[in-house]
Amino acid sequence: MSLLTFVRTLLGRSDAVHQTWRELARFQGSPDPIRLRRPGLFSSLLSAVVSLVLGLLSWFLVMLLVTAVVRGPFYGFVEHGPFGPGTWGGPTKAGAWAVHAAISVPIVILIPFVVRGLALLQAVSIRRLYGSATSRLVLPATILLAIAGGAFFYSWTQQL
């Protein structure tokens, strides 16, 4: 959705952009943003980019959730070895299986809450776009999460 709003903003279709943000806010369980002001071109583009970053981070976390569900408790079925001393829980298959299962359980439990938190942060940033009163920590938290998410993604790709 954020990519669509980015393109619509560049094409000057601001009414369609505002309708998309309202639909997204309702989808996330948030009331319609209070329209205290009409956002300009720069604010709309910035919000679209922030939403895109949060959306990509959410998709990455969902992919990690699926990976944790498949590889964690079922590690012995998907990985056939060799299980050397460098394997988590190795050198035995049982030890590697137990460690992967123990690590995946908290991940499977926590990631849905993290993704929901990202969705709520995105909804608050859209309300801020329209001039609604929000915490001053919304922008720094969003920037910090975007940087941390990028660093996490980079470090995850390095261990592949």
C-alpha atoms as a PDB file:
ATOM      1  CA  MET A   1       0.000   0.000   0.000  1.00  0.00           C
ATOM      2  CA  SER A   2       2.780   2.395   0.837  1.00  0.00           C
ATOM      3  CA  LEU A   3       4.365   1.892  -2.575  1.00  0.00           C
ATOM      4  CA  LEU A   4       0.997   2.730  -4.144  1.00  0.00           C
ATOM      5  CA  THR A   5       0.699   5.900  -2.060  1.00  0.00           C
ATOM      6  CA  PHE A   6       4.263   6.866  -2.964  1.00  0.00           C
ATOM      7  CA  VAL A   7       3.460   6.626  -6.694  1.00  0.00           C
ATOM      8  CA  ARG A   8       0.127   8.417  -6.281  1.00  0.00           C
ATOM      9  CA  THR A   9       1.831  11.226  -4.385  1.00  0.00           C
ATOM     10  CA  LEU A  10       4.409  11.653  -7.132  1.00  0.00           C
ATOM     11  CA  LEU A  11       1.588  11.756  -9.722  1.00  0.00           C
ATOM     12  CA  GLY A  12      -0.254  14.440  -7.742  1.00  0.00           C
ATOM     13  CA  ARG A  13      -3.267  12.302  -6.825  1.00  0.00           C
ATOM     14  CA  SER A  14      -3.463  13.487  -3.219  1.00  0.00           C
ATOM     15  CA  ASP A  15      -7.159  12.647  -2.753  1.00  0.00           C
ATOM     16  CA  ALA A  16      -6.469   9.003  -3.598  1.00  0.00           C
ATOM     17  CA  VAL A  17      -3.510   9.046  -1.195  1.00  0.00           C
ATOM     18  CA  HIS A  18      -5.668  10.337   1.659  1.00  0.00           C
ATOM     19  CA  GLN A  19      -8.321   7.713   0.938  1.00  0.00           C
ATOM     20  CA  THR A  20      -5.663   4.980   1.012  1.00  0.00           C
ATOM     21  CA  TRP A  21      -4.314   6.194   4.388  1.00  0.00           C
ATOM     22  CA  ARG A  22      -7.857   6.239   5.840  1.00  0.00           C
ATOM     23  CA  GLU A  23      -8.504   2.683   4.598  1.00  0.00           C
ATOM     24  CA  LEU A  24      -5.195   1.526   6.058  1.00  0.00           C
ATOM     25  CA  ALA A  25      -5.996   3.122   9.417  1.00  0.00           C
ATOM     26  CA  ARG A  26      -9.396   1.379   9.524  1.00  0.00           C
ATOM     27  CA  PHE A  27      -7.788  -1.941   8.538  1.00  0.00           C
ATOM     28  CA  GLN A  28      -5.396  -1.646  11.472  1.00  0.00           C
ATOM     29  CA  GLY A  29      -8.275  -1.051  13.880  1.00  0.00           C
ATOM     30  CA  SER A  30      -7.617   2.649  14.267  1.00  0.00           C
ATOM     31  CA  PRO A  31     -10.249   5.353  13.914  1.00  0.00           C
ATOM     32  CA  ASP A  32     -10.068   7.695  10.960  1.00  0.00           C
ATOM     33  CA  PRO A  33      -7.215  10.157  11.331  1.00  0.00           C
ATOM     34  CA  ILE A  34      -8.396  13.546  12.446  1.00  0.00           C
ATOM     35  CA  ARG A  35      -7.854  15.879   9.529  1.00  0.00           C
ATOM     36  CA  LEU A  36      -6.443  18.917  11.263  1.00  0.00           C
ATOM     37  CA  ARG A  37      -4.291  19.790   8.261  1.00  0.00           C
ATOM     38  CA  ARG A  38      -3.736  18.682   4.708  1.00  0.00           C
ATOM     39  CA  PRO A  39      -0.281  17.111   4.375  1.00  0.00           C
ATOM     40  CA  GLY A  40       1.999  18.477   1.697  1.00  0.00           C
ATOM     41  CA  LEU A  41       3.961  16.639  -0.954  1.00  0.00           C
ATOM     42  CA  PHE A  42       7.094  16.161   1.175  1.00  0.00           C
ATOM     43  CA  SER A  43       5.151  14.912   4.213  1.00  0.00           C
ATOM     44  CA  SER A  44       3.174  12.473   2.097  1.00  0.00           C
ATOM     45  CA  LEU A  45       6.334  11.132   0.436  1.00  0.00           C
ATOM     46  CA  LEU A  46       8.096  10.798   3.785  1.00  0.00           C
ATOM     47  CA  SER A  47       5.123   8.924   5.267  1.00  0.00           C
ATOM     48  CA  ALA A  48       5.020   6.617   2.259  1.00  0.00           C
ATOM     49  CA  VAL A  49       8.728   5.826   2.625  1.00  0.00           C
ATOM     50  CA  VAL A  50       8.366   5.241   6.382  1.00  0.00           C
ATOM     51  CA  SER A  51       5.387   2.977   5.764  1.00  0.00           C
ATOM     52  CA  LEU A  52       7.331   1.093   3.107  1.00  0.00           C
ATOM     53  CA  VAL A  53      10.238   0.504   5.495  1.00  0.00           C
ATOM     54  CA  LEU A  54       7.911  -0.679   8.270  1.00  0.00           C
ATOM     55  CA  GLY A  55       6.058  -2.916   5.811  1.00  0.00           C
ATOM     56  CA  LEU A  56       9.261  -4.515   4.524  1.00  0.00           C
ATOM     57  CA  LEU A  57      10.438  -5.071   8.083  1.00  0.00           C
ATOM     58  CA  SER A  58       7.101  -6.709   8.919  1.00  0.00           C
ATOM     59  CA  TRP A  59       7.311  -9.029   5.905  1.00  0.00           C
ATOM     60  CA  PHE A  60      10.856  -9.988   6.889  1.00  0.00           C
ATOM     61  CA  LEU A  61       9.687 -10.806  10.416  1.00  0.00           C
ATOM     62  CA  VAL A  62       6.826 -12.912   9.072  1.00  0.00           C
ATOM     63  CA  MET A  63       9.325 -14.795   6.906  1.00  0.00           C
ATOM     64  CA  LEU A  64      11.447 -15.392  10.015  1.00  0.00           C
ATOM     65  CA  LEU A  65       8.336 -16.619  11.824  1.00  0.00           C
ATOM     66  CA  VAL A  66       7.644 -19.183   9.109  1.00  0.00           C
ATOM     67  CA  THR A  67      11.290 -20.240   9.144  1.00  0.00           C
ATOM     68  CA  ALA A  68      11.239 -20.602  12.937  1.00  0.00           C
ATOM     69  CA  VAL A  69       8.086 -22.726  12.778  1.00  0.00           C
ATOM     70  CA  VAL A  70       9.513 -25.022  10.099  1.00  0.00           C
ATOM     71  CA  ARG A  71      13.156 -25.273  11.179  1.00  0.00           C
ATOM     72  CA  GLY A  72      12.799 -25.025  14.950  1.00  0.00           C
ATOM     73  CA  PRO A  73      10.721 -27.885  16.267  1.00  0.00           C
ATOM     74  CA  PHE A  74      11.181 -29.907  13.069  1.00  0.00           C
ATOM     75  CA  TYR A  75      14.934 -29.323  12.722  1.00  0.00           C
ATOM     76  CA  GLY A  76      15.806 -33.009  12.610  1.00  0.00           C
ATOM     77  CA  PHE A  77      13.410 -33.587   9.718  1.00  0.00           C
ATOM     78  CA  VAL A  78      14.639 -30.678   7.574  1.00  0.00           C
ATOM     79  CA  GLU A  79      18.356 -30.834   8.289  1.00  0.00           C
ATOM     80  CA  HIS A  80      20.096 -34.135   7.709  1.00  0.00           C
ATOM     81  CA  GLY A  81      23.587 -33.234   8.792  1.00  0.00           C
ATOM     82  CA  PRO A  82      26.481 -33.334   9.187  1.00  0.00           C
ATOM     83  CA  PHE A  83      26.241 -32.147  12.791  1.00  0.00           C
ATOM     84  CA  GLY A  84      29.691 -30.981  13.718  1.00  0.00           C
ATOM     85  CA  PRO A  85      31.034 -29.145  16.732  1.00  0.00           C
ATOM     86  CA  GLY A  86      30.094 -25.805  15.110  1.00  0.00           C
ATOM     87  CA  THR A  87      26.398 -26.684  14.971  1.00  0.00           C
ATOM     88  CA  TRP A  88      24.189 -25.139  17.663  1.00  0.00           C
ATOM     89  CA  GLY A  89      23.778 -27.955  20.157  1.00  0.00           C
ATOM     90  CA  GLY A  90      26.078 -30.253  18.175  1.00  0.00           C
ATOM     91  CA  PRO A  91      27.872 -32.547  17.645  1.00  0.00           C
ATOM     92  CA  THR A  92      24.811 -34.810  18.039  1.00  0.00           C
ATOM     93  CA  LYS A  93      21.593 -34.554  16.057  1.00  0.00           C
ATOM     94  CA  ALA A  94      19.511 -34.658  19.255  1.00  0.00           C
ATOM     95  CA  GLY A  95      21.416 -31.744  20.781  1.00  0.00           C
ATOM     96  CA  ALA A  96      21.125 -29.647  17.628  1.00  0.00           C
ATOM     97  CA  TRP A  97      17.412 -30.432  17.407  1.00  0.00           C
ATOM     98  CA  ALA A  98      16.814 -29.487  21.062  1.00  0.00           C
ATOM     99  CA  VAL A  99      18.680 -26.179  20.802  1.00  0.00           C
ATOM    100  CA  HIS A 100      16.926 -25.158  17.572  1.00  0.00           C
ATOM    101  CA  ALA A 101      13.526 -26.019  19.065  1.00  0.00           C
ATOM    102  CA  ALA A 102      14.302 -24.106  22.277  1.00  0.00           C
ATOM    103  CA  ILE A 103      15.353 -21.012  20.337  1.00  0.00           C
ATOM    104  CA  SER A 104      12.401 -21.098  17.943  1.00  0.00           C
ATOM    105  CA  VAL A 105       9.658 -21.247  20.595  1.00  0.00           C
ATOM    106  CA  PRO A 106      10.207 -17.698  21.960  1.00  0.00           C
ATOM    107  CA  ILE A 107      10.583 -16.408  18.403  1.00  0.00           C
ATOM    108  CA  VAL A 108       7.282 -17.957  17.359  1.00  0.00           C
ATOM    109  CA  ILE A 109       5.570 -16.445  20.400  1.00  0.00           C
ATOM    110  CA  LEU A 110       7.078 -12.935  20.145  1.00  0.00           C
ATOM    111  CA  ILE A 111       7.085 -12.113  16.415  1.00  0.00           C
ATOM    112  CA  PRO A 112       3.290 -11.682  16.081  1.00  0.00           C
ATOM    113  CA  PHE A 113       3.384  -9.108  18.892  1.00  0.00           C
ATOM    114  CA  VAL A 114       6.297  -7.276  17.265  1.00  0.00           C
ATOM    115  CA  VAL A 115       4.504  -7.160  13.894  1.00  0.00           C
ATOM    116  CA  ARG A 116       1.364  -5.824  15.609  1.00  0.00           C
ATOM    117  CA  GLY A 117       3.480  -3.167  17.307  1.00  0.00           C
ATOM    118  CA  LEU A 118       4.930  -2.132  13.945  1.00  0.00           C
ATOM    119  CA  ALA A 119       1.400  -1.841  12.542  1.00  0.00           C
ATOM    120  CA  LEU A 120       0.340   0.358  15.458  1.00  0.00           C
ATOM    121  CA  LEU A 121       3.434   2.528  15.025  1.00  0.00           C
ATOM    122  CA  GLN A 122       2.585   2.935  11.353  1.00  0.00           C
ATOM    123  CA  ALA A 123      -0.996   3.931  12.235  1.00  0.00           C
ATOM    124  CA  VAL A 124       0.273   6.516  14.736  1.00  0.00           C
ATOM    125  CA  SER A 125       2.664   7.942  12.164  1.00  0.00           C
ATOM    126  CA  ILE A 126      -0.250   8.371   9.729  1.00  0.00           C
ATOM    127  CA  ARG A 127      -2.304  10.154  12.410  1.00  0.00           C
ATOM    128  CA  ARG A 128       0.722  12.395  12.991  1.00  0.00           C
ATOM    129  CA  LEU A 129       0.802  13.110   9.246  1.00  0.00           C
ATOM    130  CA  TYR A 130      -2.697  14.581   9.506  1.00  0.00           C
ATOM    131  CA  GLY A 131      -1.788  16.699  12.523  1.00  0.00           C
ATOM    132  CA  SER A 132      -3.325  14.598  15.283  1.00  0.00           C
ATOM    133  CA  ALA A 133      -1.743  14.858  18.691  1.00  0.00           C
ATOM    134  CA  THR A 134       0.743  12.022  19.107  1.00  0.00           C
ATOM    135  CA  SER A 135       3.761  11.452  21.253  1.00  0.00           C
ATOM    136  CA  ARG A 136       6.963  13.222  20.332  1.00  0.00           C
ATOM    137  CA  LEU A 137       8.658   9.806  20.424  1.00  0.00           C
ATOM    138  CA  VAL A 138       6.858   8.535  17.298  1.00  0.00           C
ATOM    139  CA  LEU A 139       9.376   9.898  14.809  1.00  0.00           C
ATOM    140  CA  PRO A 140      12.527   8.907  16.754  1.00  0.00           C
ATOM    141  CA  ALA A 141      11.066   5.446  17.447  1.00  0.00           C
ATOM    142  CA  THR A 142      10.262   4.965  13.778  1.00  0.00           C
ATOM    143  CA  ILE A 143      13.739   6.040  12.681  1.00  0.00           C
ATOM    144  CA  LEU A 144      15.367   3.839  15.322  1.00  0.00           C
ATOM    145  CA  LEU A 145      13.256   0.837  14.299  1.00  0.00           C
ATOM    146  CA  ALA A 146      14.053   1.374  10.627  1.00  0.00           C
ATOM    147  CA  ILE A 147      17.800   1.484  11.326  1.00  0.00           C
ATOM    148  CA  ALA A 148      17.668  -1.472  13.726  1.00  0.00           C
ATOM    149  CA  GLY A 149      15.554  -3.452  11.269  1.00  0.00           C
ATOM    150  CA  GLY A 150      18.020  -2.783   8.475  1.00  0.00           C
ATOM    151  CA  ALA A 151      20.941  -3.824  10.686  1.00  0.00           C
ATOM    152  CA  PHE A 152      19.091  -6.962  11.764  1.00  0.00           C
ATOM    153  CA  PHE A 153      18.310  -7.860   8.156  1.00  0.00           C
ATOM    154  CA  TYR A 154      21.947  -7.307   7.161  1.00  0.00           C
ATOM    155  CA  SER A 155      23.265  -9.426  10.026  1.00  0.00           C
ATOM    156  CA  TRP A 156      20.766 -12.169   9.206  1.00  0.00           C
ATOM    157  CA  THR A 157      21.931 -12.265   5.574  1.00  0.00           C
ATOM    158  CA  GLN A 158      25.561 -12.532   6.719  1.00  0.00           C
ATOM    159  CA  GLN A 159      24.923 -15.753   8.597  1.00  0.00           C
ATOM    160  CA  LEU A 160      23.424 -17.521   5.588  1.00  0.00           C
END
